[in-house]
Every structure is written in C-alpha cells, then in structure tokens.
C-alpha cells in the first residue's frame, strides 16, 4: 500500500520520550512524525531538561503536550498515563529513546562494573520500556506502535560500551516479549538499531570519536547513518506500511551490523 509521507501518521497521537536537545535521535524522530501529520506529546525527565525541550517544542511544534516523567518513578509514569488519558483518551504510538549509565562504567574493563551501576543502567535503559508499556498500553485502544532505540553493542563487544551493551541486550529481549504480550491487541513493538551518532548520551562513552572513525571505515556504505535516516526508519515502523512487523530489530546503520570485525 503506497502512502503520502505527509499523511502517513495523520490522526495519530504519539508520545516521544527521550528528547534532550536538538541533536537527540528522539528529536529527529519527532520532526519526521510531525511532518507526517502526527499529534505529539513529549515527556522530559526533570527540570534540568524541561527548558531545552520546552524551547524546542514551542519553536517548532507549538501546541504539543509536555509532561514530566522520571521513568525510575512508577508514580511519574502513572501521572503521565493519567494526563494522556485526560487530554487524548487514545494513544497510537510510543517512542522510547532513553539510555543512561554512569560515566565511570563506560570505560575500562566490563568486569569492574559495580552492582549499583549495573542496576541503574538496566533500570533506565531497559526496564523503563516495560514500565512505560505496562501503564500506557491500555490507552492504545486502536492498536499502535511502540518503538525503542538500540545499538550493535547488544550483540558484539564495543570498546567502553560495557554495561550499556548488556542493558541494550536486555532491551532487545524485552522488545520480543512485549511484542508477544501485546500483539493480540494490535500493538506492535519494535526496535531500531542505529549506528553510532553524536548525541548527548554518546559523549559519555570514552573514545567515542575513535569508535565513529572505525565504524565509518567498515560500513558497506562507507559512511555513518544520520539521525534523520534513523528517524525515517522509525517513521516506517510507526506507519501502516510496517503493519506485519513486530518483535523486530531493524538496523539503520549503513550495514555495519553485517561486518565480521
């Protein structure tokens, strides 16, 4: 079925989680969704991020909902669900683009990972997808799409990615289990595995620029994927064009994932 990009998400109400600034992959996805006709809501973690998100939204997507939500706090997620219920009634999509680990856990040997650091990375980067889905899927009365962002470090060792790689592996497994749980309700759950991109969270990975150079040399396309290309992939997954896809990890990394080294 062919569709006009400008109308691909017309009439859809979608929550975007994880915008930190204008370079965030989540922001690129939001712009793609808005251009496709979606009505958007944005969650932000705390007051530190509120100003930046608010400024972006007001300048480019005025009228969008803005809701605080610390995904480590079930009460915050319940509040988010309540606001969306009252404002919209029905939700058609969720973009989960959140990951965090302590900076000291993203360098050196993985074997030195602290218990606290391991649990924190799992809580924010992986479990949050399940926590959010649990409280928001009842709003997806007409079915819809839940999308999260992952990275090749879930399957292969990436220097200094460490505890985040393990968290992404957990996230990808969660995608499959959630897809199985929610499929009978017409809710599809997928992930986009993006290549390395210069974002705020990526700065926490030691020697990240060296990683970028190495990936660029090895990809079949001999370049890095851009945030806009990842956003286009997420747009496809949110649209009816991907109606038969669920539980899938879709790569938008210029082919890096197929290379042996």
Protein backbone atom coordinates (compact mmCIF):
# COMPACT_ATOMS: atom_id res chain seq x y z
CA UNK A 1 0.00 0.00 0.00
CA UNK A 2 1.52 3.30 -1.08
CA UNK A 3 1.16 6.31 1.20
CA UNK A 4 1.82 10.03 1.03
CA UNK A 5 4.58 10.82 3.54
CA UNK A 6 2.77 13.97 4.64
CA UNK A 7 -0.23 11.88 5.71
CA UNK A 8 1.41 8.68 6.91
CA UNK A 9 0.59 9.42 10.56
CA UNK A 10 -2.41 11.68 10.09
CA UNK A 11 -4.76 11.43 13.07
CA UNK A 12 -2.20 9.54 15.19
CA UNK A 13 -1.36 10.62 18.74
CA UNK A 14 2.19 9.66 19.69
CA UNK A 15 4.33 10.07 22.80
CA UNK A 16 8.02 10.91 22.35
CA UNK A 17 10.29 10.04 25.29
CA UNK A 18 13.95 10.98 25.44
CA UNK A 19 14.50 14.35 23.79
CA UNK A 20 17.49 16.03 25.45
CA UNK A 21 18.37 18.63 22.82
CA UNK A 22 18.16 19.33 19.09
CA UNK A 23 20.75 16.63 18.34
CA UNK A 24 18.76 13.85 20.01
CA UNK A 25 17.61 10.99 17.81
CA UNK A 26 14.24 11.37 19.54
CA UNK A 27 14.00 14.94 18.26
CA UNK A 28 14.78 13.85 14.70
CA UNK A 29 12.01 11.25 15.03
CA UNK A 30 9.61 13.86 16.41
CA UNK A 31 10.23 16.12 13.40
CA UNK A 32 9.64 13.23 10.99
CA UNK A 33 6.42 12.29 12.77
CA UNK A 34 5.16 15.88 12.86
CA UNK A 35 5.83 16.24 9.14
CA UNK A 36 3.80 13.06 8.61
CA UNK A 37 0.78 14.55 10.38
CA UNK A 38 1.09 13.10 13.90
CA UNK A 39 -0.03 14.93 17.03
CA UNK A 40 2.77 14.68 19.58
CA UNK A 41 3.33 14.69 23.31
CA UNK A 42 6.78 14.92 24.88
CA UNK A 43 7.97 13.68 28.25
CA UNK A 44 11.05 15.10 29.94
CA UNK A 45 12.95 13.63 32.85
CA UNK A 46 13.26 16.60 35.19
CA UNK A 47 13.67 20.38 35.45
CA UNK A 48 17.19 20.13 34.03
CA UNK A 49 15.80 19.06 30.65
CA UNK A 50 12.46 20.90 30.76
CA UNK A 51 13.79 24.21 29.47
CA UNK A 52 15.55 22.74 26.45
CA UNK A 53 12.64 20.51 25.45
CA UNK A 54 10.12 23.30 26.02
CA UNK A 55 12.10 25.71 23.86
CA UNK A 56 12.41 23.20 21.01
CA UNK A 57 8.75 22.25 21.08
CA UNK A 58 7.44 25.80 21.31
CA UNK A 59 9.59 26.95 18.40
CA UNK A 60 8.84 24.06 16.03
CA UNK A 61 5.79 22.15 17.31
CA UNK A 62 3.64 24.57 19.30
CA UNK A 63 0.60 23.02 20.89
CA UNK A 64 2.28 19.71 21.68
CA UNK A 65 1.84 18.30 25.18
CA UNK A 66 4.77 18.50 27.61
CA UNK A 67 4.72 16.16 30.61
CA UNK A 68 7.39 15.46 33.26
CA UNK A 69 8.24 11.78 33.69
CA UNK A 70 11.13 10.20 35.57
CA UNK A 71 10.97 6.62 34.30
CA UNK A 72 12.53 5.32 37.53
CA UNK A 73 9.42 6.51 39.40
CA UNK A 74 6.22 4.50 38.84
CA UNK A 75 4.21 7.41 40.23
CA UNK A 76 5.55 9.66 37.47
CA UNK A 77 4.62 7.12 34.80
CA UNK A 78 1.13 6.79 36.32
CA UNK A 79 0.81 10.59 36.19
CA UNK A 80 1.89 10.56 32.54
CA UNK A 81 -0.74 7.94 31.73
CA UNK A 82 -3.40 9.95 33.54
CA UNK A 83 -2.58 13.15 31.65
CA UNK A 84 -2.60 11.38 28.28
CA UNK A 85 -5.91 9.73 29.17
CA UNK A 86 -7.48 13.06 30.10
CA UNK A 87 -6.04 15.02 27.15
CA UNK A 88 -6.23 12.44 24.38
CA UNK A 89 -8.12 9.40 25.55
CA UNK A 90 -6.42 7.24 22.93
CA UNK A 91 -2.72 6.75 22.22
CA UNK A 92 -1.38 5.35 18.94
CA UNK A 93 2.35 5.22 19.49
CA UNK A 94 5.29 5.49 21.87
CA UNK A 95 8.90 6.30 21.01
CA UNK A 96 11.21 5.18 23.83
CA UNK A 97 14.63 6.74 23.28
CA UNK A 98 16.28 6.66 26.69
CA UNK A 99 19.52 5.19 27.97
CA UNK A 100 21.83 6.04 30.83
CA UNK A 101 24.86 4.64 32.61
CA UNK A 102 27.38 6.24 34.91
CA UNK A 103 30.33 7.66 33.01
CA UNK A 104 32.80 5.58 35.00
CA UNK A 105 31.03 2.41 33.86
CA UNK A 106 31.66 3.33 30.20
CA UNK A 107 35.42 2.92 30.24
CA UNK A 108 37.95 0.29 31.19
CA UNK A 109 37.07 -3.34 31.82
CA UNK A 110 33.47 -4.55 31.98
CA UNK A 111 34.44 -6.95 34.76
CA UNK A 112 34.82 -3.91 37.03
CA UNK A 113 31.17 -2.90 36.64
CA UNK A 114 29.65 -2.01 40.01
CA UNK A 115 26.41 -3.57 41.20
CA UNK A 116 24.86 -0.11 41.55
CA UNK A 117 26.00 0.92 38.08
CA UNK A 118 24.68 -2.29 36.52
CA UNK A 119 21.25 -1.94 38.11
CA UNK A 120 20.99 1.75 37.24
CA UNK A 121 21.76 1.11 33.56
CA UNK A 122 19.24 -1.72 33.43
CA UNK A 123 16.55 0.31 35.18
CA UNK A 124 16.71 3.37 32.92
CA UNK A 125 17.87 1.83 29.65
CA UNK A 126 15.88 -1.43 29.62
CA UNK A 127 13.24 -1.85 32.32
CA UNK A 128 11.77 1.59 31.61
CA UNK A 129 10.38 0.27 28.30
CA UNK A 130 8.40 -2.39 30.16
CA UNK A 131 7.33 0.01 32.91
CA UNK A 132 6.05 2.56 30.40
CA UNK A 133 4.37 -0.06 28.21
CA UNK A 134 2.59 -1.59 31.22
CA UNK A 135 0.86 1.68 32.13
CA UNK A 136 0.30 3.10 28.65
CA UNK A 137 -0.79 0.14 26.55
CA UNK A 138 -4.37 0.35 27.92
CA UNK A 139 -4.61 3.73 26.14
CA UNK A 140 -3.72 2.09 22.82
CA UNK A 141 -7.31 1.02 22.23
CA UNK A 142 -6.96 1.13 18.44
CA UNK A 143 -3.65 -0.73 18.37
CA UNK A 144 -0.46 1.07 17.50
CA UNK A 145 3.31 1.02 17.58
CA UNK A 146 5.89 1.04 20.38
CA UNK A 147 9.43 1.76 19.21
CA UNK A 148 12.70 1.83 21.12
CA UNK A 149 16.31 2.60 20.14
CA UNK A 150 19.17 0.14 20.46
CA UNK A 151 22.76 -0.36 19.26
CA UNK A 152 25.03 -3.12 17.97
CA UNK A 153 26.82 -3.23 21.33
CA UNK A 154 23.99 -5.51 22.43
CA UNK A 155 25.36 -8.33 20.26
CA UNK A 156 29.07 -7.62 19.94
CA UNK A 157 31.71 -6.20 22.22
CA UNK A 158 32.19 -2.49 21.59
CA UNK A 159 35.13 -0.96 23.50
CA UNK A 160 33.98 1.08 26.50
CA UNK A 161 30.27 0.42 25.82
CA UNK A 162 30.38 -2.13 28.63
CA UNK A 163 27.32 -2.10 30.89
CA UNK A 164 25.28 -0.28 28.26
CA UNK A 165 25.78 -3.15 25.82
CA UNK A 166 24.32 -5.56 28.38
CA UNK A 167 21.42 -3.17 29.00
CA UNK A 168 20.71 -2.96 25.27
CA UNK A 169 20.68 -6.77 25.06
CA UNK A 170 18.07 -6.76 27.82
CA UNK A 171 16.12 -4.08 25.98
CA UNK A 172 16.06 -6.11 22.75
CA UNK A 173 14.85 -9.20 24.57
CA UNK A 174 12.14 -7.07 26.19
CA UNK A 175 11.01 -6.00 22.72
CA UNK A 176 10.35 -9.62 21.80
CA UNK A 177 8.46 -10.47 24.99
CA UNK A 178 6.39 -7.28 24.83
CA UNK A 179 5.60 -7.94 21.17
CA UNK A 180 4.28 -11.37 22.14
CA UNK A 181 2.21 -9.98 25.01
CA UNK A 182 0.65 -7.06 23.16
CA UNK A 183 0.26 -8.42 19.64
CA UNK A 184 -3.27 -9.72 20.22
CA UNK A 185 -4.29 -6.11 20.96
CA UNK A 186 -2.93 -4.88 17.66
CA UNK A 187 0.08 -3.27 19.32
CA UNK A 188 3.39 -3.79 17.57
CA UNK A 189 6.72 -3.49 19.43
CA UNK A 190 9.97 -3.00 17.51
CA UNK A 191 13.43 -1.51 17.87
CA UNK A 192 15.67 0.50 15.59
CA UNK A 193 19.35 -0.35 15.92
CA UNK A 194 21.10 2.85 14.94
CA UNK A 195 24.74 3.22 14.10
CA UNK A 196 26.82 5.48 16.37
CA UNK A 197 25.63 9.09 16.24
CA UNK A 198 26.96 12.16 18.08
CA UNK A 199 24.34 12.72 20.75
CA UNK A 200 24.45 13.94 24.35
CA UNK A 201 24.40 10.39 25.75
CA UNK A 202 27.11 9.21 23.32
CA UNK A 203 29.54 11.73 24.79
CA UNK A 204 29.67 9.59 27.91
CA UNK A 205 31.38 6.73 26.05
CA UNK A 206 35.16 7.01 26.29
CA UNK A 207 36.95 7.41 22.93
CA UNK A 208 33.63 7.77 21.12
CA UNK A 209 35.18 9.73 18.23
CA UNK A 210 37.58 6.85 17.61
CA UNK A 211 34.61 4.50 17.52
CA UNK A 212 32.92 6.70 14.91
CA UNK A 213 36.01 6.64 12.69
CA UNK A 214 36.32 2.86 12.92
CA UNK A 215 32.66 2.26 12.10
CA UNK A 216 32.71 4.66 9.17
CA UNK A 217 35.63 2.78 7.62
CA UNK A 218 33.94 -0.61 7.98
CA UNK A 219 30.34 0.02 6.93
CA UNK A 220 29.44 -1.27 3.45
CA UNK A 221 28.22 2.22 2.55
CA UNK A 222 31.46 3.76 3.88
CA UNK A 223 29.62 6.37 5.91
CA UNK A 224 27.71 6.81 9.15
CA UNK A 225 23.94 6.86 9.36
CA UNK A 226 22.42 10.23 10.20
CA UNK A 227 19.75 10.93 12.80
CA UNK A 228 17.30 11.80 10.02
CA UNK A 229 17.81 8.38 8.44
CA UNK A 230 17.13 6.68 11.76
CA UNK A 231 14.02 8.86 12.06
CA UNK A 232 12.81 7.72 8.64
CA UNK A 233 13.15 4.11 9.78
CA UNK A 234 11.15 4.91 12.91
CA UNK A 235 8.54 6.62 10.73
CA UNK A 236 8.18 3.44 8.70
CA UNK A 237 7.73 1.39 11.88
CA UNK A 238 5.06 3.76 13.20
CA UNK A 239 3.10 3.70 9.95
CA UNK A 240 0.75 1.14 8.43
CA UNK A 241 3.50 0.27 5.94
CA UNK A 242 5.03 -1.94 8.65
CA UNK A 243 1.74 -3.49 9.77
CA UNK A 244 3.18 -7.03 9.65
CA UNK A 245 6.33 -6.24 11.63
CA UNK A 246 6.60 -6.81 15.36
CA UNK A 247 9.32 -8.08 17.71
CA UNK A 248 11.87 -6.94 15.13
CA UNK A 249 15.25 -5.23 15.46
CA UNK A 250 15.55 -3.10 12.32
CA UNK A 251 19.05 -1.86 11.53
CA UNK A 252 19.67 1.70 10.34
CA UNK A 253 23.47 1.65 10.48
CA UNK A 254 24.64 1.69 6.84
CA UNK A 255 25.18 -2.07 7.05
CA UNK A 256 27.68 -2.06 9.93
CA UNK A 257 25.91 -4.97 11.66
CA UNK A 258 26.74 -7.43 8.85
CA UNK A 259 30.51 -6.97 9.14
CA UNK A 260 32.56 -9.56 10.97
CA UNK A 261 35.01 -7.11 12.50
